[in-house]
Amino acid sequence: MYLEKLKPINTFILDVDGVMTNGQVLVTDEGNMLRSFNIKDGFALQLAIKLGYNICVISGGNSAGVLKRLEGLGIKDVFMNVHEKWPVFMEYIKSKNLDPNEIAYMGDDIPDYQLIKHVGLKCCPQDAAHDIKEICDFVSMYPGGGGCVRELIEKVLRIHGKWDLEKIGVW
């Protein structure tokens, strides 16, 4: 059962479009692409960082607005405009001396396939591509941009005994 795979997790690696957002892009007349993020995902990400978990984002997209949002959440390990995620993933885990079995990766589509296959907890949103859902240990009940990141982080923190409502609001 996937609950056992939650126990060793100390790192969350996430895609942006389709995971942290709903995968839709609004394009302004000026050509700016706008995305929508879930506030509950943001809260869980900030809490995980404060509790000492590693958070990394690897995205094929390249948006100053997305980068500003991620930095505002306190995420320092952000890799944008990445068209081949595998080399970036390998360099990241090497630089942080991470065990792939202690990593939860959440992705939603084919560019995430290789990474998902090589981590301890393979995760995706409810509306991920079929091929991704087939290989995942954990398929969120929520779609991309709809709280799937929060659900994943909350499950890990709960299994670690760190989802303590008496302490969370005091940090």
N, C-alpha and C. Protein backbone atom coordinates (compact mmCIF):
# COMPACT_ATOMS: atom_id res chain seq x y z
N MET A 1 0.84 -1.19 0.00
CA MET A 1 0.00 0.00 0.00
C MET A 1 0.88 1.25 0.00
N TYR A 2 0.40 2.30 -0.64
CA TYR A 2 1.22 3.50 -0.81
C TYR A 2 1.52 4.21 0.51
N LEU A 3 0.71 4.00 1.56
CA LEU A 3 0.96 4.70 2.84
C LEU A 3 2.34 4.40 3.40
N GLU A 4 2.85 3.20 3.20
CA GLU A 4 4.20 2.86 3.66
C GLU A 4 5.25 3.69 2.93
N LYS A 5 4.96 4.06 1.68
CA LYS A 5 5.91 4.83 0.89
C LYS A 5 5.97 6.30 1.32
N LEU A 6 5.00 6.73 2.14
CA LEU A 6 5.02 8.11 2.65
C LEU A 6 6.08 8.30 3.73
N LYS A 7 6.35 7.26 4.48
CA LYS A 7 7.20 7.36 5.67
C LYS A 7 8.61 7.91 5.42
N PRO A 8 9.32 7.46 4.37
CA PRO A 8 10.69 7.97 4.21
C PRO A 8 10.79 9.32 3.49
N ILE A 9 9.68 9.90 3.05
CA ILE A 9 9.73 11.11 2.21
C ILE A 9 10.26 12.31 2.99
N ASN A 10 11.30 12.95 2.42
CA ASN A 10 11.82 14.20 2.98
C ASN A 10 11.94 15.28 1.91
N THR A 11 11.56 14.93 0.68
CA THR A 11 11.71 15.84 -0.46
C THR A 11 10.49 15.75 -1.37
N PHE A 12 10.01 16.90 -1.80
CA PHE A 12 8.92 16.97 -2.77
C PHE A 12 9.45 17.66 -4.02
N ILE A 13 9.34 17.00 -5.15
CA ILE A 13 9.71 17.61 -6.43
C ILE A 13 8.43 17.69 -7.26
N LEU A 14 8.18 18.88 -7.80
CA LEU A 14 6.91 19.15 -8.46
C LEU A 14 7.09 19.77 -9.83
N ASP A 15 6.17 19.46 -10.72
CA ASP A 15 6.00 20.16 -11.98
C ASP A 15 5.10 21.36 -11.69
N VAL A 16 5.02 22.31 -12.59
CA VAL A 16 4.15 23.47 -12.39
C VAL A 16 2.84 23.29 -13.14
N ASP A 17 2.89 23.41 -14.47
CA ASP A 17 1.67 23.39 -15.27
C ASP A 17 1.01 22.01 -15.22
N GLY A 18 -0.23 21.99 -14.75
CA GLY A 18 -0.97 20.74 -14.63
C GLY A 18 -0.85 20.10 -13.26
N VAL A 19 0.05 20.63 -12.41
CA VAL A 19 0.21 20.13 -11.04
C VAL A 19 -0.08 21.27 -10.07
N MET A 20 0.77 22.29 -10.10
CA MET A 20 0.55 23.45 -9.24
C MET A 20 -0.49 24.40 -9.83
N THR A 21 -0.75 24.25 -11.12
CA THR A 21 -1.81 25.01 -11.81
C THR A 21 -2.73 24.01 -12.49
N ASN A 22 -3.84 24.51 -13.01
CA ASN A 22 -4.78 23.60 -13.68
C ASN A 22 -4.38 23.28 -15.12
N GLY A 23 -3.26 23.78 -15.55
CA GLY A 23 -2.76 23.47 -16.89
C GLY A 23 -3.31 24.40 -17.97
N GLN A 24 -4.20 25.29 -17.59
CA GLN A 24 -4.72 26.25 -18.55
C GLN A 24 -3.88 27.51 -18.49
N VAL A 25 -3.73 28.16 -19.64
CA VAL A 25 -2.97 29.39 -19.72
C VAL A 25 -3.84 30.45 -20.37
N LEU A 26 -4.00 31.57 -19.70
CA LEU A 26 -4.71 32.71 -20.28
C LEU A 26 -3.65 33.60 -20.92
N VAL A 27 -3.88 33.99 -22.16
CA VAL A 27 -2.91 34.81 -22.87
C VAL A 27 -3.49 36.20 -23.07
N THR A 28 -2.76 37.20 -22.59
CA THR A 28 -3.21 38.58 -22.74
C THR A 28 -2.89 39.07 -24.15
N ASP A 29 -3.44 40.23 -24.50
CA ASP A 29 -3.15 40.82 -25.81
C ASP A 29 -1.67 41.11 -25.99
N GLU A 30 -0.98 41.34 -24.88
CA GLU A 30 0.46 41.62 -24.93
C GLU A 30 1.28 40.34 -25.04
N GLY A 31 0.64 39.20 -24.95
CA GLY A 31 1.35 37.92 -25.06
C GLY A 31 1.76 37.33 -23.73
N ASN A 32 1.39 37.97 -22.62
CA ASN A 32 1.70 37.41 -21.31
C ASN A 32 0.80 36.20 -21.04
N MET A 33 1.39 35.18 -20.44
CA MET A 33 0.63 33.97 -20.11
C MET A 33 0.36 33.96 -18.62
N LEU A 34 -0.90 33.90 -18.25
CA LEU A 34 -1.32 33.95 -16.86
C LEU A 34 -1.76 32.57 -16.38
N ARG A 35 -1.35 32.21 -15.15
CA ARG A 35 -1.71 30.93 -14.55
C ARG A 35 -2.34 31.20 -13.19
N SER A 36 -3.08 30.25 -12.71
CA SER A 36 -3.75 30.36 -11.42
C SER A 36 -3.20 29.29 -10.48
N PHE A 37 -2.79 29.71 -9.27
CA PHE A 37 -2.27 28.79 -8.26
C PHE A 37 -3.28 28.64 -7.13
N ASN A 38 -3.23 27.50 -6.45
CA ASN A 38 -4.12 27.22 -5.34
C ASN A 38 -3.48 27.68 -4.03
N ILE A 39 -4.19 28.49 -3.26
CA ILE A 39 -3.67 29.03 -2.01
C ILE A 39 -3.39 27.92 -0.99
N LYS A 40 -4.22 26.89 -0.97
CA LYS A 40 -4.01 25.78 -0.02
C LYS A 40 -2.72 25.02 -0.35
N ASP A 41 -2.43 24.87 -1.63
CA ASP A 41 -1.14 24.28 -2.02
C ASP A 41 0.00 25.14 -1.48
N GLY A 42 -0.15 26.46 -1.64
CA GLY A 42 0.89 27.39 -1.18
C GLY A 42 1.12 27.30 0.32
N PHE A 43 0.04 27.19 1.10
CA PHE A 43 0.18 27.07 2.54
C PHE A 43 0.96 25.81 2.89
N ALA A 44 0.59 24.69 2.27
CA ALA A 44 1.26 23.41 2.57
C ALA A 44 2.74 23.47 2.17
N LEU A 45 3.05 24.09 1.05
CA LEU A 45 4.44 24.21 0.62
C LEU A 45 5.25 25.04 1.62
N GLN A 46 4.70 26.17 2.06
CA GLN A 46 5.40 27.00 3.04
C GLN A 46 5.61 26.24 4.35
N LEU A 47 4.61 25.52 4.78
CA LEU A 47 4.72 24.75 6.02
C LEU A 47 5.79 23.67 5.89
N ALA A 48 5.79 22.95 4.78
CA ALA A 48 6.81 21.91 4.57
C ALA A 48 8.22 22.49 4.61
N ILE A 49 8.40 23.64 4.00
CA ILE A 49 9.71 24.30 4.02
C ILE A 49 10.09 24.66 5.45
N LYS A 50 9.17 25.22 6.19
CA LYS A 50 9.45 25.61 7.59
C LYS A 50 9.77 24.39 8.46
N LEU A 51 9.23 23.24 8.10
CA LEU A 51 9.47 22.01 8.84
C LEU A 51 10.72 21.27 8.37
N GLY A 52 11.43 21.83 7.38
CA GLY A 52 12.70 21.26 6.96
C GLY A 52 12.67 20.32 5.77
N TYR A 53 11.55 20.22 5.10
CA TYR A 53 11.48 19.37 3.91
C TYR A 53 12.11 20.11 2.72
N ASN A 54 12.69 19.35 1.81
CA ASN A 54 13.20 19.92 0.56
C ASN A 54 12.05 20.06 -0.41
N ILE A 55 11.97 21.22 -1.06
CA ILE A 55 10.97 21.45 -2.11
C ILE A 55 11.73 21.89 -3.35
N CYS A 56 11.43 21.24 -4.45
CA CYS A 56 12.08 21.56 -5.73
C CYS A 56 11.01 21.60 -6.81
N VAL A 57 11.14 22.54 -7.71
CA VAL A 57 10.24 22.65 -8.85
C VAL A 57 11.06 22.54 -10.12
N ILE A 58 10.62 21.65 -11.01
CA ILE A 58 11.26 21.49 -12.32
C ILE A 58 10.16 21.65 -13.35
N SER A 59 10.27 22.68 -14.18
CA SER A 59 9.20 23.02 -15.12
C SER A 59 9.74 23.30 -16.51
N GLY A 60 8.99 22.90 -17.50
CA GLY A 60 9.31 23.23 -18.88
C GLY A 60 8.95 24.67 -19.20
N GLY A 61 8.06 25.25 -18.40
CA GLY A 61 7.63 26.63 -18.62
C GLY A 61 8.69 27.63 -18.18
N ASN A 62 8.49 28.86 -18.64
CA ASN A 62 9.44 29.91 -18.30
C ASN A 62 8.68 31.21 -18.14
N SER A 63 8.24 31.48 -16.92
CA SER A 63 7.42 32.65 -16.65
C SER A 63 7.95 33.40 -15.44
N ALA A 64 8.15 34.69 -15.61
CA ALA A 64 8.61 35.52 -14.50
C ALA A 64 7.57 35.52 -13.38
N GLY A 65 6.29 35.50 -13.73
CA GLY A 65 5.23 35.48 -12.73
C GLY A 65 5.24 34.21 -11.91
N VAL A 66 5.44 33.08 -12.57
CA VAL A 66 5.51 31.80 -11.86
C VAL A 66 6.72 31.80 -10.94
N LEU A 67 7.85 32.25 -11.43
CA LEU A 67 9.06 32.29 -10.61
C LEU A 67 8.84 33.18 -9.38
N LYS A 68 8.21 34.31 -9.57
CA LYS A 68 7.94 35.21 -8.45
C LYS A 68 7.03 34.53 -7.42
N ARG A 69 6.02 33.82 -7.87
CA ARG A 69 5.12 33.10 -6.95
C ARG A 69 5.89 32.05 -6.16
N LEU A 70 6.72 31.26 -6.83
CA LEU A 70 7.48 30.20 -6.16
C LEU A 70 8.47 30.78 -5.16
N GLU A 71 9.15 31.84 -5.55
CA GLU A 71 10.09 32.50 -4.64
C GLU A 71 9.34 33.08 -3.44
N GLY A 72 8.14 33.62 -3.68
CA GLY A 72 7.33 34.17 -2.60
C GLY A 72 6.90 33.11 -1.59
N LEU A 73 6.81 31.87 -2.03
CA LEU A 73 6.48 30.76 -1.14
C LEU A 73 7.70 30.27 -0.37
N GLY A 74 8.89 30.75 -0.78
CA GLY A 74 10.11 30.33 -0.11
C GLY A 74 10.81 29.17 -0.79
N ILE A 75 10.38 28.83 -2.00
CA ILE A 75 11.00 27.72 -2.73
C ILE A 75 12.26 28.25 -3.41
N LYS A 76 13.39 27.71 -3.01
CA LYS A 76 14.68 28.18 -3.53
C LYS A 76 15.17 27.35 -4.72
N ASP A 77 14.80 26.09 -4.76
CA ASP A 77 15.28 25.20 -5.82
C ASP A 77 14.24 25.15 -6.95
N VAL A 78 14.37 26.11 -7.86
CA VAL A 78 13.43 26.25 -8.97
C VAL A 78 14.21 26.18 -10.28
N PHE A 79 13.81 25.28 -11.13
CA PHE A 79 14.44 25.10 -12.44
C PHE A 79 13.37 25.29 -13.50
N MET A 80 13.48 26.39 -14.25
CA MET A 80 12.49 26.74 -15.27
C MET A 80 13.09 26.54 -16.66
N ASN A 81 12.19 26.45 -17.65
CA ASN A 81 12.59 26.31 -19.05
C ASN A 81 13.41 25.05 -19.27
N VAL A 82 13.03 23.99 -18.55
CA VAL A 82 13.75 22.71 -18.62
C VAL A 82 13.01 21.79 -19.59
N HIS A 83 13.66 21.46 -20.69
CA HIS A 83 13.01 20.62 -21.69
C HIS A 83 13.38 19.15 -21.51
N GLU A 84 14.48 18.89 -20.87
CA GLU A 84 14.87 17.53 -20.51
C GLU A 84 15.05 17.51 -18.99
N LYS A 85 14.06 16.99 -18.30
CA LYS A 85 14.04 17.06 -16.83
C LYS A 85 15.02 16.10 -16.17
N TRP A 86 15.31 14.99 -16.81
CA TRP A 86 16.15 13.96 -16.18
C TRP A 86 17.52 14.49 -15.74
N PRO A 87 18.30 15.18 -16.62
CA PRO A 87 19.62 15.67 -16.17
C PRO A 87 19.51 16.67 -15.01
N VAL A 88 18.50 17.51 -15.01
CA VAL A 88 18.31 18.48 -13.93
C VAL A 88 17.98 17.74 -12.63
N PHE A 89 17.12 16.75 -12.72
CA PHE A 89 16.76 15.93 -11.56
C PHE A 89 18.00 15.25 -10.99
N MET A 90 18.79 14.63 -11.84
CA MET A 90 19.98 13.92 -11.38
C MET A 90 20.99 14.87 -10.72
N GLU A 91 21.19 16.04 -11.30
CA GLU A 91 22.11 17.02 -10.72
C GLU A 91 21.58 17.52 -9.37
N TYR A 92 20.27 17.74 -9.29
CA TYR A 92 19.67 18.21 -8.04
C TYR A 92 19.85 17.18 -6.93
N ILE A 93 19.52 15.93 -7.17
CA ILE A 93 19.62 14.94 -6.09
C ILE A 93 21.08 14.70 -5.70
N LYS A 94 21.98 14.81 -6.69
CA LYS A 94 23.41 14.68 -6.38
C LYS A 94 23.89 15.86 -5.52
N SER A 95 23.50 17.07 -5.89
CA SER A 95 23.95 18.25 -5.16
C SER A 95 23.42 18.30 -3.73
N LYS A 96 22.26 17.71 -3.50
CA LYS A 96 21.65 17.69 -2.16
C LYS A 96 21.89 16.37 -1.43
N ASN A 97 22.60 15.45 -2.11
CA ASN A 97 22.87 14.13 -1.54
C ASN A 97 21.57 13.43 -1.10
N LEU A 98 20.61 13.38 -2.03
CA LEU A 98 19.30 12.81 -1.74
C LEU A 98 19.19 11.37 -2.22
N ASP A 99 18.46 10.59 -1.47
CA ASP A 99 18.13 9.21 -1.84
C ASP A 99 16.82 9.26 -2.62
N PRO A 100 16.78 8.78 -3.86
CA PRO A 100 15.53 8.81 -4.64
C PRO A 100 14.35 8.15 -3.92
N ASN A 101 14.61 7.19 -3.04
CA ASN A 101 13.53 6.54 -2.30
C ASN A 101 12.88 7.46 -1.28
N GLU A 102 13.51 8.59 -0.99
CA GLU A 102 12.97 9.56 -0.02
C GLU A 102 12.32 10.75 -0.72
N ILE A 103 12.09 10.60 -2.03
CA ILE A 103 11.53 11.70 -2.83
C ILE A 103 10.12 11.34 -3.30
N ALA A 104 9.21 12.32 -3.17
CA ALA A 104 7.90 12.25 -3.80
C ALA A 104 7.94 13.19 -4.99
N TYR A 105 7.63 12.66 -6.16
CA TYR A 105 7.58 13.50 -7.37
C TYR A 105 6.14 13.52 -7.85
N MET A 106 5.63 14.73 -8.12
CA MET A 106 4.29 14.85 -8.68
C MET A 106 4.37 15.51 -10.04
N GLY A 107 3.90 14.78 -11.05
CA GLY A 107 3.84 15.28 -12.41
C GLY A 107 2.53 14.85 -13.04
N ASP A 108 2.25 15.40 -14.21
CA ASP A 108 0.95 15.13 -14.82
C ASP A 108 0.99 14.64 -16.26
N ASP A 109 2.16 14.67 -16.89
CA ASP A 109 2.15 14.33 -18.32
C ASP A 109 3.48 13.68 -18.71
N ILE A 110 3.60 13.34 -19.96
CA ILE A 110 4.71 12.54 -20.48
C ILE A 110 6.10 13.11 -20.13
N PRO A 111 6.33 14.44 -20.13
CA PRO A 111 7.66 14.91 -19.74
C PRO A 111 8.06 14.52 -18.31
N ASP A 112 7.10 14.12 -17.49
CA ASP A 112 7.38 13.72 -16.11
C ASP A 112 7.59 12.22 -15.95
N TYR A 113 7.31 11.46 -16.98
CA TYR A 113 7.30 10.00 -16.91
C TYR A 113 8.59 9.41 -16.35
N GLN A 114 9.72 9.79 -16.92
CA GLN A 114 11.01 9.21 -16.52
C GLN A 114 11.33 9.49 -15.05
N LEU A 115 11.08 10.71 -14.61
CA LEU A 115 11.36 11.06 -13.22
C LEU A 115 10.45 10.31 -12.26
N ILE A 116 9.17 10.24 -12.59
CA ILE A 116 8.22 9.56 -11.72
C ILE A 116 8.66 8.11 -11.50
N LYS A 117 9.16 7.49 -12.53
CA LYS A 117 9.55 6.08 -12.43
C LYS A 117 10.73 5.86 -11.48
N HIS A 118 11.48 6.90 -11.15
CA HIS A 118 12.72 6.74 -10.39
C HIS A 118 12.71 7.36 -8.99
N VAL A 119 11.53 7.53 -8.43
CA VAL A 119 11.45 8.08 -7.07
C VAL A 119 10.70 7.10 -6.17
N GLY A 120 10.79 7.35 -4.87
CA GLY A 120 10.15 6.47 -3.90
C GLY A 120 8.64 6.55 -3.91
N LEU A 121 8.09 7.75 -4.12
CA LEU A 121 6.64 7.93 -4.14
C LEU A 121 6.26 8.64 -5.43
N LYS A 122 5.61 7.90 -6.29
CA LYS A 122 5.20 8.37 -7.61
C LYS A 122 3.79 8.95 -7.51
N CYS A 123 3.64 10.25 -7.84
CA CYS A 123 2.38 10.95 -7.58
C CYS A 123 1.90 11.73 -8.80
N CYS A 124 0.59 11.91 -8.86
CA CYS A 124 0.02 12.74 -9.92
C CYS A 124 -1.34 13.27 -9.48
N PRO A 125 -1.79 14.37 -10.13
CA PRO A 125 -3.13 14.87 -9.88
C PRO A 125 -4.18 13.93 -10.48
N GLN A 126 -5.40 14.11 -10.06
CA GLN A 126 -6.51 13.28 -10.54
C GLN A 126 -6.69 13.36 -12.05
N ASP A 127 -6.38 14.49 -12.65
CA ASP A 127 -6.59 14.67 -14.08
C ASP A 127 -5.31 14.51 -14.90
N ALA A 128 -4.34 13.77 -14.37
CA ALA A 128 -3.09 13.52 -15.12
C ALA A 128 -3.36 12.66 -16.34
N ALA A 129 -2.41 12.66 -17.25
CA ALA A 129 -2.50 11.80 -18.43
C ALA A 129 -2.58 10.33 -18.00
N HIS A 130 -3.30 9.55 -18.77
CA HIS A 130 -3.52 8.13 -18.45
C HIS A 130 -2.21 7.38 -18.20
N ASP A 131 -1.22 7.59 -19.06
CA ASP A 131 0.06 6.88 -18.92
C ASP A 131 0.76 7.21 -17.60
N ILE A 132 0.56 8.41 -17.11
CA ILE A 132 1.16 8.81 -15.83
C ILE A 132 0.39 8.16 -14.68
N LYS A 133 -0.92 8.21 -14.74
CA LYS A 133 -1.74 7.60 -13.68
C LYS A 133 -1.43 6.11 -13.52
N GLU A 134 -1.13 5.46 -14.63
CA GLU A 134 -0.84 4.01 -14.63
C GLU A 134 0.37 3.65 -13.79
N ILE A 135 1.36 4.54 -13.69
CA ILE A 135 2.59 4.21 -12.98
C ILE A 135 2.67 4.82 -11.58
N CYS A 136 1.65 5.57 -11.18
CA CYS A 136 1.71 6.28 -9.89
C CYS A 136 1.22 5.43 -8.72
N ASP A 137 1.89 5.62 -7.58
CA ASP A 137 1.46 5.01 -6.32
C ASP A 137 0.29 5.79 -5.74
N PHE A 138 0.34 7.12 -5.92
CA PHE A 138 -0.66 8.00 -5.34
C PHE A 138 -1.25 8.89 -6.42
N VAL A 139 -2.55 8.73 -6.67
CA VAL A 139 -3.28 9.61 -7.58
C VAL A 139 -4.19 10.45 -6.68
N SER A 140 -3.94 11.75 -6.66
CA SER A 140 -4.72 12.64 -5.80
C SER A 140 -6.19 12.61 -6.18
N MET A 141 -7.03 12.90 -5.21
CA MET A 141 -8.45 13.04 -5.51
C MET A 141 -8.74 14.40 -6.14
N TYR A 142 -7.72 15.28 -6.16
CA TYR A 142 -7.88 16.62 -6.69
C TYR A 142 -7.14 16.78 -8.02
N PRO A 143 -7.67 17.63 -8.90
CA PRO A 143 -6.97 17.89 -10.16
C PRO A 143 -5.80 18.84 -9.98
N GLY A 144 -5.00 18.97 -11.01
CA GLY A 144 -3.92 19.95 -10.99
C GLY A 144 -4.45 21.33 -10.70
N GLY A 145 -3.78 22.06 -9.82
CA GLY A 145 -4.21 23.40 -9.45
C GLY A 145 -5.40 23.42 -8.52
N GLY A 146 -5.88 22.26 -8.12
CA GLY A 146 -7.08 22.17 -7.29
C GLY A 146 -6.83 21.65 -5.89
N GLY A 147 -5.58 21.61 -5.46
CA GLY A 147 -5.27 21.15 -4.12
C GLY A 147 -4.53 19.82 -4.05
N CYS A 148 -4.09 19.31 -5.18
CA CYS A 148 -3.39 18.02 -5.18
C CYS A 148 -2.05 18.09 -4.45
N VAL A 149 -1.36 19.21 -4.54
CA VAL A 149 -0.08 19.37 -3.85
C VAL A 149 -0.32 19.40 -2.34
N ARG A 150 -1.33 20.13 -1.91
CA ARG A 150 -1.70 20.18 -0.49
C ARG A 150 -2.02 18.79 0.03
N GLU A 151 -2.81 18.05 -0.74
CA GLU A 151 -3.19 16.70 -0.30
C GLU A 151 -1.96 15.82 -0.08
N LEU A 152 -1.04 15.85 -1.02
CA LEU A 152 0.18 15.06 -0.91
C LEU A 152 1.00 15.47 0.31
N ILE A 153 1.27 16.76 0.43
CA ILE A 153 2.10 17.23 1.55
C ILE A 153 1.42 16.93 2.88
N GLU A 154 0.14 17.17 2.96
CA GLU A 154 -0.58 16.90 4.21
C GLU A 154 -0.49 15.44 4.60
N LYS A 155 -0.64 14.54 3.63
CA LYS A 155 -0.54 13.10 3.93
C LYS A 155 0.84 12.75 4.50
N VAL A 156 1.89 13.30 3.90
CA VAL A 156 3.24 13.01 4.38
C VAL A 156 3.43 13.60 5.78
N LEU A 157 3.01 14.83 5.99
CA LEU A 157 3.18 15.45 7.31
C LEU A 157 2.37 14.71 8.37
N ARG A 158 1.19 14.26 8.02
CA ARG A 158 0.38 13.50 8.98
C ARG A 158 1.07 12.20 9.37
N ILE A 159 1.61 11.49 8.38
CA ILE A 159 2.25 10.20 8.68
C ILE A 159 3.52 10.42 9.51
N HIS A 160 4.14 11.59 9.38
CA HIS A 160 5.33 11.93 10.16
C HIS A 160 4.98 12.56 11.51
N GLY A 161 3.69 12.72 11.79
CA GLY A 161 3.26 13.33 13.04
C GLY A 161 3.52 14.82 13.11
N LYS A 162 3.62 15.49 11.95
CA LYS A 162 3.94 16.91 11.92
C LYS A 162 2.76 17.79 11.53
N TRP A 163 1.62 17.18 11.28
CA TRP A 163 0.41 17.96 10.95
C TRP A 163 -0.32 18.19 12.27
N ASP A 164 0.22 19.09 13.07
CA ASP A 164 -0.28 19.37 14.41
C ASP A 164 -0.98 20.72 14.39
N LEU A 165 -2.31 20.71 14.42
CA LEU A 165 -3.06 21.96 14.29
C LEU A 165 -2.82 22.92 15.44
N GLU A 166 -2.39 22.43 16.58
CA GLU A 166 -2.09 23.30 17.71
C GLU A 166 -0.80 24.09 17.48
N LYS A 167 0.10 23.55 16.67
CA LYS A 167 1.39 24.19 16.43
C LYS A 167 1.48 24.90 15.08
N ILE A 168 0.72 24.43 14.10
CA ILE A 168 0.84 24.96 12.73
C ILE A 168 0.62 26.48 12.68
N GLY A 169 -0.39 26.98 13.36
CA GLY A 169 -0.70 28.40 13.30
C GLY A 169 0.26 29.28 14.08
N VAL A 170 1.20 28.67 14.79
CA VAL A 170 2.09 29.44 15.66
C VAL A 170 3.47 29.66 15.04
N TRP A 171 3.82 29.00 13.96
CA TRP A 171 5.17 29.10 13.45
C TRP A 171 5.52 30.50 13.17
